[in-house]
Amino acid sequence: MDVEWRSGKKTLLGALGLHHNEVAMCRGLAWLLTPNGWHGLGAAVLDELLTALDLARDDSRTARVVLEESREDTRADIVVRFGATTLLIEAKIWAGEGAQQCDRLARLWDSETPTLVFLTRSGDQPRTAIASGGRWRPLRWTDIADMIESAIEGIVGVDVGVQEYLRTLRLYGGNATGNDDAQLDNLLRRWAGAEDLVAAPARSDDAEWAAIEDRARAAWRDAILAAEKRWSGGPDFIVEPRMGQLYICIQDDPLIQVVLNWAHNPHTRSSRQAIWPHVVIGVDPKRSGPLREAILEATDFAELTFGMVNTKTTPWWLRSGPIVPDADLTDVHSYADLCMTRLVEVWAAVRPVVDDLRRSMS
């Protein structure tokens, strides 16, 4: 029997990179919760949600759904109102919570006595619900998928948009473990999306940030060592610890080094790029200033090609650039392979340039 191999994402939303986009996925959910929407399901999805929350469904067909409703400096992702009922949904995919976010939401919408829903991949309680602790109802995105399936059961000719959204939730919406941090694929994505933790270099979340960082770096270290052993057909690598960090070096040239490392630097947490492994072009600091400047100029192309900018992080670093995984890459071993590939790509691009520079100086 012939096997047809396929590539790429399995849904259109995945191919568009929207499957992990909170704004896009919230808009899709709001569309389904709107009773008079063009999805043709009426209040069926909203009724499933109300049932799950033990709320009355009377008058649900009159519901009005608002996206990104703002009060003061706080924004609610989805607010549903009908009759005397107000439902406020705060949704997360990979981003963390902002400072006191859930307490602020509960306080600013308190006059409506809303039912508060915290929608995540894992179904965890919000960590920023201190004063509002116990008021939030946790739900998973896969719970939403179950509700949609129940709503469309027996319906012929369901809108393709509904089917696409449902399939995307099933494939990418998470799992029921309630402990996604234990899975490194989720850890990488959570790290990439933790913009509230990256936004400021010093805040109460630093302890949580450090814990996430330490786990991710330790797991990456194991994966990158395995990836280095699998690599063949390229340069020889020197794997060594420096100042407690793992470095993988291509060191076959007396003028220059190309290095991969993931260094811990608490002073750069305010920079999103600083949290990822870097490929570094390094020059011995004992070399003369004119030579360093000549190499810097000769490798200027690396800024456009690889995002490697001039850096003064250490005396011997000349250029460095982060290896940021895109939204499709959620597996640490694939990420480690990407890191090794980028290391060799930079080495292959830089080496002939340095050879030309050496010949011009001889």
Protein backbone atom coordinates (compact mmCIF):
# COMPACT_ATOMS: atom_id res chain seq x y z
CA MET A 1 0.00 0.00 0.00
CA ASP A 2 1.37 3.41 -0.98
CA VAL A 3 1.91 5.85 1.85
CA GLU A 4 1.31 9.54 1.20
CA TRP A 5 3.72 11.64 3.24
CA ARG A 6 2.59 15.11 4.19
CA SER A 7 4.44 18.05 5.67
CA GLY A 8 3.64 21.24 7.54
CA LYS A 9 0.93 22.09 10.01
CA LYS A 10 -2.25 20.02 10.06
CA THR A 11 -4.72 22.92 10.14
CA LEU A 12 -5.03 26.24 8.36
CA LEU A 13 -4.77 28.14 11.65
CA GLY A 14 -1.58 26.23 12.36
CA ALA A 15 -0.15 27.03 8.93
CA LEU A 16 -0.93 30.71 9.50
CA GLY A 17 0.84 30.60 12.86
CA LEU A 18 -2.38 31.50 14.70
CA HIS A 19 -2.83 28.30 16.70
CA HIS A 20 -0.78 29.69 19.60
CA ASN A 21 -1.86 33.31 19.14
CA GLU A 22 -4.03 34.29 22.10
CA VAL A 23 -5.68 37.22 20.34
CA ALA A 24 -6.64 35.13 17.32
CA MET A 25 -7.86 32.15 19.34
CA CYS A 26 -9.88 34.44 21.64
CA ARG A 27 -11.51 36.04 18.61
CA GLY A 28 -12.44 32.59 17.36
CA LEU A 29 -13.95 31.68 20.72
CA ALA A 30 -15.86 34.96 20.93
CA TRP A 31 -17.25 34.29 17.45
CA LEU A 32 -18.54 30.89 18.56
CA LEU A 33 -20.04 32.32 21.76
CA THR A 34 -22.01 34.97 19.85
CA PRO A 35 -25.53 33.55 19.41
CA ASN A 36 -26.34 35.41 16.19
CA GLY A 37 -22.96 34.76 14.58
CA TRP A 38 -22.52 33.40 11.07
CA HIS A 39 -21.32 30.07 12.45
CA GLY A 40 -25.00 29.05 12.43
CA LEU A 41 -24.95 27.34 15.84
CA GLY A 42 -27.01 29.91 17.68
CA ALA A 43 -26.32 29.82 21.42
CA ALA A 44 -25.30 26.14 21.39
CA VAL A 45 -21.63 26.68 22.29
CA LEU A 46 -22.46 29.35 24.86
CA ASP A 47 -25.06 27.05 26.41
CA GLU A 48 -22.47 24.27 26.74
CA LEU A 49 -20.16 26.71 28.52
CA LEU A 50 -22.93 27.92 30.83
CA THR A 51 -23.82 24.33 31.70
CA ALA A 52 -20.19 23.54 32.53
CA LEU A 53 -20.15 26.56 34.86
CA ASP A 54 -23.51 25.68 36.48
CA LEU A 55 -25.08 28.89 35.19
CA ALA A 56 -28.65 29.33 33.99
CA ARG A 57 -29.11 29.34 30.23
CA ASP A 58 -32.27 31.46 30.19
CA ASP A 59 -32.06 34.32 27.68
CA SER A 60 -28.64 33.14 26.45
CA ARG A 61 -29.74 33.79 22.86
CA THR A 62 -29.74 37.51 23.69
CA ALA A 63 -26.12 37.46 24.85
CA ARG A 64 -23.74 40.20 23.78
CA VAL A 65 -20.05 39.30 23.49
CA VAL A 66 -17.31 41.92 23.84
CA LEU A 67 -13.64 41.37 23.01
CA GLU A 68 -10.80 43.08 24.88
CA GLU A 69 -12.98 45.25 27.08
CA SER A 70 -10.85 47.79 28.99
CA ARG A 71 -11.21 49.42 32.37
CA GLU A 72 -8.45 51.66 33.68
CA ASP A 73 -5.20 49.94 32.67
CA THR A 74 -6.67 46.43 32.55
CA ARG A 75 -8.22 44.52 29.66
CA ALA A 76 -10.56 41.54 29.82
CA ASP A 77 -10.16 39.10 26.93
CA ILE A 78 -13.85 38.17 26.54
CA VAL A 79 -16.93 39.47 28.37
CA VAL A 80 -20.36 37.89 27.80
CA ARG A 81 -23.53 39.58 29.07
CA PHE A 82 -27.18 38.60 29.00
CA GLY A 83 -29.95 39.27 31.51
CA ALA A 84 -28.36 39.51 34.95
CA THR A 85 -25.41 37.31 33.93
CA THR A 86 -21.88 38.53 33.25
CA LEU A 87 -19.18 36.08 32.25
CA LEU A 88 -15.56 37.27 32.13
CA ILE A 89 -12.96 35.05 30.44
CA GLU A 90 -9.22 35.57 30.86
CA ALA A 91 -7.44 33.32 28.35
CA LYS A 92 -3.82 32.20 28.22
CA ILE A 93 -1.94 29.99 25.79
CA TRP A 94 1.77 30.52 26.45
CA ALA A 95 1.95 33.96 28.02
CA GLY A 96 2.20 34.29 31.77
CA GLU A 97 0.03 36.48 33.95
CA GLY A 98 0.70 40.16 34.39
CA ALA A 99 1.34 41.68 37.79
CA GLN A 100 -1.82 41.21 39.94
CA GLN A 101 -3.70 40.62 36.69
CA CYS A 102 -6.53 38.39 37.92
CA ASP A 103 -7.06 40.40 41.10
CA ARG A 104 -7.30 43.56 38.99
CA LEU A 105 -9.85 41.96 36.66
CA ALA A 106 -11.96 40.77 39.58
CA ARG A 107 -11.85 44.19 41.25
CA LEU A 108 -12.57 46.32 38.19
CA TRP A 109 -15.56 44.23 37.04
CA ASP A 110 -16.79 43.49 40.57
CA SER A 111 -19.86 45.74 40.23
CA GLU A 112 -21.35 43.19 37.80
CA THR A 113 -20.66 40.19 40.06
CA PRO A 114 -19.18 38.31 37.11
CA THR A 115 -18.44 34.62 36.83
CA LEU A 116 -14.67 34.59 36.36
CA VAL A 117 -13.12 32.00 34.03
CA PHE A 118 -9.39 31.36 33.73
CA LEU A 119 -8.84 29.54 30.42
CA THR A 120 -5.44 27.88 29.89
CA ARG A 121 -3.85 24.82 28.33
CA SER A 122 -3.40 23.12 31.70
CA GLY A 123 -6.48 24.13 33.67
CA ASP A 124 -4.44 25.59 36.52
CA GLN A 125 -5.70 28.20 38.98
CA PRO A 126 -4.37 31.73 38.37
CA ARG A 127 -1.38 32.59 40.53
CA THR A 128 -2.34 36.29 40.60
CA ALA A 129 -5.72 35.59 42.21
CA ILE A 130 -4.88 36.47 45.81
CA ALA A 131 -7.72 38.74 46.92
CA SER A 132 -9.96 37.00 44.37
CA GLY A 133 -8.78 33.52 45.28
CA GLY A 134 -11.56 30.96 45.01
CA ARG A 135 -13.61 33.08 42.61
CA TRP A 136 -11.95 31.91 39.41
CA ARG A 137 -13.22 28.85 37.54
CA PRO A 138 -10.33 27.13 35.71
CA LEU A 139 -10.98 25.64 32.27
CA ARG A 140 -8.74 24.09 29.61
CA TRP A 141 -8.81 24.85 25.92
CA THR A 142 -9.55 21.16 25.42
CA ASP A 143 -12.67 21.67 27.57
CA ILE A 144 -13.75 24.28 25.02
CA ALA A 145 -13.16 21.70 22.28
CA ASP A 146 -15.43 19.25 24.14
CA MET A 147 -18.13 21.92 24.35
CA ILE A 148 -17.92 22.66 20.64
CA GLU A 149 -18.16 18.96 19.81
CA SER A 150 -21.26 18.62 21.97
CA ALA A 151 -22.79 21.72 20.38
CA ILE A 152 -22.38 20.47 16.80
CA GLU A 153 -23.34 16.85 17.47
CA GLY A 154 -25.96 15.74 14.96
CA ILE A 155 -25.76 18.96 12.95
CA VAL A 156 -25.30 18.49 9.20
CA GLY A 157 -23.24 21.00 7.27
CA VAL A 158 -21.36 22.61 10.16
CA ASP A 159 -19.50 25.72 9.04
CA VAL A 160 -15.94 24.92 7.97
CA GLY A 161 -14.66 27.66 10.28
CA VAL A 162 -16.12 25.83 13.26
CA GLN A 163 -14.52 22.57 12.16
CA GLU A 164 -11.16 24.27 11.60
CA TYR A 165 -11.20 25.92 15.03
CA LEU A 166 -12.22 22.66 16.72
CA ARG A 167 -9.52 20.62 14.99
CA THR A 168 -6.90 23.22 15.90
CA LEU A 169 -7.90 23.02 19.57
CA ARG A 170 -7.71 19.23 19.48
CA LEU A 171 -4.24 19.23 17.93
CA TYR A 172 -2.62 22.17 19.70
CA GLY A 173 -4.79 23.03 22.69
CA GLY A 174 -2.76 21.22 25.35
CA ASN A 175 -3.49 18.30 27.58
CA ALA A 176 -5.15 17.41 30.83
CA THR A 177 -2.05 16.80 32.90
CA GLY A 178 -2.31 20.08 34.79
CA ASN A 179 1.49 20.15 35.00
CA ASP A 180 2.75 21.36 31.64
CA ASP A 181 5.96 22.68 33.18
CA ALA A 182 7.11 19.08 33.51
CA GLN A 183 7.15 18.79 29.72
CA LEU A 184 9.98 20.59 28.09
CA ASP A 185 8.17 21.30 24.84
CA ASN A 186 5.63 23.28 26.84
CA LEU A 187 8.38 24.83 28.91
CA LEU A 188 10.06 26.22 25.81
CA ARG A 189 6.83 27.71 24.55
CA ARG A 190 5.90 29.09 27.94
CA TRP A 191 9.31 30.66 28.19
CA ALA A 192 9.00 32.22 24.74
CA GLY A 193 5.61 33.66 25.61
CA ALA A 194 6.30 34.83 29.14
CA GLU A 195 6.39 38.45 28.07
CA ASP A 196 5.18 39.70 31.42
CA LEU A 197 8.25 38.13 33.03
CA VAL A 198 10.58 39.52 30.40
CA ALA A 199 9.09 43.00 30.50
CA ALA A 200 11.02 44.23 33.54
CA PRO A 201 14.45 43.22 34.86
CA ALA A 202 13.44 43.35 38.53
CA ARG A 203 10.05 42.30 39.85
CA SER A 204 8.43 39.83 42.21
CA ASP A 205 8.32 37.23 39.44
CA ASP A 206 12.11 36.87 39.32
CA ALA A 207 12.08 33.72 41.45
CA GLU A 208 9.56 32.05 39.14
CA TRP A 209 11.49 33.26 36.11
CA ALA A 210 14.75 31.85 37.48
CA ALA A 211 13.11 28.47 38.11
CA ILE A 212 11.78 28.32 34.55
CA GLU A 213 15.15 29.38 33.19
CA ASP A 214 17.13 26.85 35.21
CA ARG A 215 14.90 23.93 34.16
CA ALA A 216 14.97 24.93 30.51
CA ARG A 217 18.72 25.43 30.41
CA ALA A 218 19.39 22.09 32.12
CA ALA A 219 17.16 20.21 29.70
CA TRP A 220 18.66 22.03 26.71
CA ARG A 221 22.15 21.10 27.91
CA ASP A 222 21.27 17.39 27.82
CA ALA A 223 19.63 17.72 24.42
CA ILE A 224 22.47 19.72 22.88
CA LEU A 225 25.07 17.20 24.03
CA ALA A 226 23.04 14.46 22.36
CA ALA A 227 22.67 16.57 19.21
CA GLU A 228 26.42 17.21 19.08
CA LYS A 229 27.07 13.45 19.18
CA ARG A 230 24.59 12.88 16.33
CA TRP A 231 26.19 15.50 14.12
CA SER A 232 28.32 14.29 11.23
CA GLY A 233 29.70 15.67 8.03
CA GLY A 234 30.73 19.01 9.49
CA PRO A 235 33.53 20.56 11.50
CA ASP A 236 34.99 19.14 14.68
CA PHE A 237 33.49 20.51 17.86
CA ILE A 238 35.11 21.32 21.17
CA VAL A 239 32.67 20.85 24.02
CA GLU A 240 33.80 22.46 27.24
CA PRO A 241 32.50 24.20 30.35
CA ARG A 242 33.41 27.82 30.93
CA MET A 243 32.39 29.70 34.06
CA GLY A 244 29.83 27.01 34.77
CA GLN A 245 28.27 27.20 31.29
CA LEU A 246 28.32 24.74 28.42
CA TYR A 247 30.13 25.97 25.31
CA ILE A 248 30.30 24.20 21.97
CA CYS A 249 33.10 25.73 19.93
CA ILE A 250 34.33 25.49 16.37
CA GLN A 251 37.94 26.43 16.91
CA ASP A 252 39.92 25.59 13.82
CA ASP A 253 41.18 29.09 13.09
CA PRO A 254 43.77 31.14 14.99
CA LEU A 255 41.92 34.38 14.30
CA ILE A 256 38.35 33.61 15.19
CA GLN A 257 36.01 31.32 17.12
CA VAL A 258 32.39 30.46 16.47
CA VAL A 259 30.67 29.35 19.66
CA LEU A 260 27.25 28.18 20.81
CA ASN A 261 26.28 28.79 24.41
CA TRP A 262 23.37 29.54 26.70
CA ALA A 263 24.76 31.78 29.41
CA HIS A 264 22.84 32.83 32.48
CA ASN A 265 22.79 36.61 32.79
CA PRO A 266 20.22 38.02 35.24
CA HIS A 267 20.99 41.56 34.12
CA THR A 268 19.59 40.92 30.63
CA ARG A 269 16.16 39.57 31.53
CA SER A 270 14.60 42.75 30.22
CA SER A 271 15.74 41.75 26.72
CA ARG A 272 13.70 39.01 25.09
CA GLN A 273 16.65 38.05 22.91
CA ALA A 274 18.88 37.54 25.92
CA ILE A 275 16.94 34.53 27.19
CA TRP A 276 17.84 32.19 24.34
CA PRO A 277 21.01 30.32 23.37
CA HIS A 278 23.35 32.43 21.27
CA VAL A 279 25.79 31.80 18.47
CA VAL A 280 28.83 33.99 19.05
CA ILE A 281 31.64 35.12 16.77
CA GLY A 282 34.61 35.69 19.03
CA VAL A 283 38.08 37.13 18.64
CA ASP A 284 40.91 36.88 21.14
CA PRO A 285 40.87 40.18 23.07
CA LYS A 286 44.67 40.21 22.91
CA ARG A 287 44.45 40.80 19.17
CA SER A 288 45.04 44.37 18.05
CA GLY A 289 42.17 46.81 17.85
CA PRO A 290 42.50 47.34 14.07
CA LEU A 291 42.32 43.58 13.48
CA ARG A 292 39.18 43.25 15.60
CA GLU A 293 37.59 46.16 13.73
CA ALA A 294 38.53 44.59 10.40
CA ILE A 295 36.91 41.28 11.38
CA LEU A 296 33.84 43.11 12.70
CA GLU A 297 33.47 44.91 9.37
CA ALA A 298 34.12 41.75 7.36
CA THR A 299 31.37 39.90 9.23
CA ASP A 300 28.86 42.73 8.87
CA PHE A 301 26.70 40.45 6.69
CA ALA A 302 26.03 38.26 9.74
CA GLU A 303 23.78 40.94 11.24
CA LEU A 304 21.37 40.76 8.31
CA THR A 305 21.69 37.03 7.67
CA PHE A 306 21.76 35.69 11.23
CA GLY A 307 20.74 38.63 13.42
CA MET A 308 24.22 38.75 14.95
CA VAL A 309 24.90 42.24 16.28
CA ASN A 310 28.08 43.79 17.62
CA THR A 311 28.27 42.99 21.32
CA LYS A 312 30.54 43.87 24.23
CA THR A 313 29.13 41.33 26.69
CA THR A 314 32.61 39.86 27.22
CA PRO A 315 36.02 41.06 25.97
CA TRP A 316 36.27 38.36 23.33
CA TRP A 317 32.71 38.46 21.96
CA LEU A 318 32.51 40.33 18.67
CA ARG A 319 29.04 39.43 17.41
CA SER A 320 26.24 37.38 18.88
CA GLY A 321 22.72 36.46 17.90
CA PRO A 322 19.96 34.47 19.64
CA ILE A 323 18.43 31.31 18.23
CA VAL A 324 14.75 31.99 18.82
CA PRO A 325 12.43 29.07 18.00
CA ASP A 326 9.40 29.91 15.92
CA ALA A 327 5.91 29.02 17.04
CA ASP A 328 6.04 25.65 15.27
CA LEU A 329 9.05 24.36 17.21
CA THR A 330 7.98 22.89 20.53
CA ASP A 331 10.34 19.96 20.96
CA VAL A 332 13.65 20.42 22.77
CA HIS A 333 15.54 17.87 20.67
CA SER A 334 14.44 19.55 17.44
CA TYR A 335 15.46 22.84 19.00
CA ALA A 336 18.88 21.45 19.91
CA ASP A 337 19.33 20.28 16.31
CA LEU A 338 18.38 23.78 15.14
CA CYS A 339 21.02 25.25 17.45
CA MET A 340 23.72 22.95 16.08
CA THR A 341 22.66 23.68 12.51
CA ARG A 342 22.81 27.43 13.11
CA LEU A 343 26.27 27.08 14.67
CA VAL A 344 27.60 25.30 11.58
CA GLU A 345 25.82 27.71 9.20
CA VAL A 346 27.50 30.69 10.85
CA TRP A 347 30.87 28.93 10.82
CA ALA A 348 30.48 28.05 7.12
CA ALA A 349 29.55 31.64 6.24
CA VAL A 350 32.24 33.32 8.33
CA ARG A 351 35.21 31.09 7.53
CA PRO A 352 35.73 32.13 3.87
CA VAL A 353 35.34 35.80 4.82
CA VAL A 354 38.06 35.46 7.43
CA ASP A 355 40.24 33.57 4.93
CA ASP A 356 39.90 36.49 2.49
CA LEU A 357 40.75 38.92 5.26
CA ARG A 358 43.82 36.91 6.19
CA ARG A 359 45.03 36.87 2.59
CA SER A 360 44.54 40.61 2.25
CA MET A 361 46.61 41.21 5.38
CA SER A 362 49.48 38.92 4.42
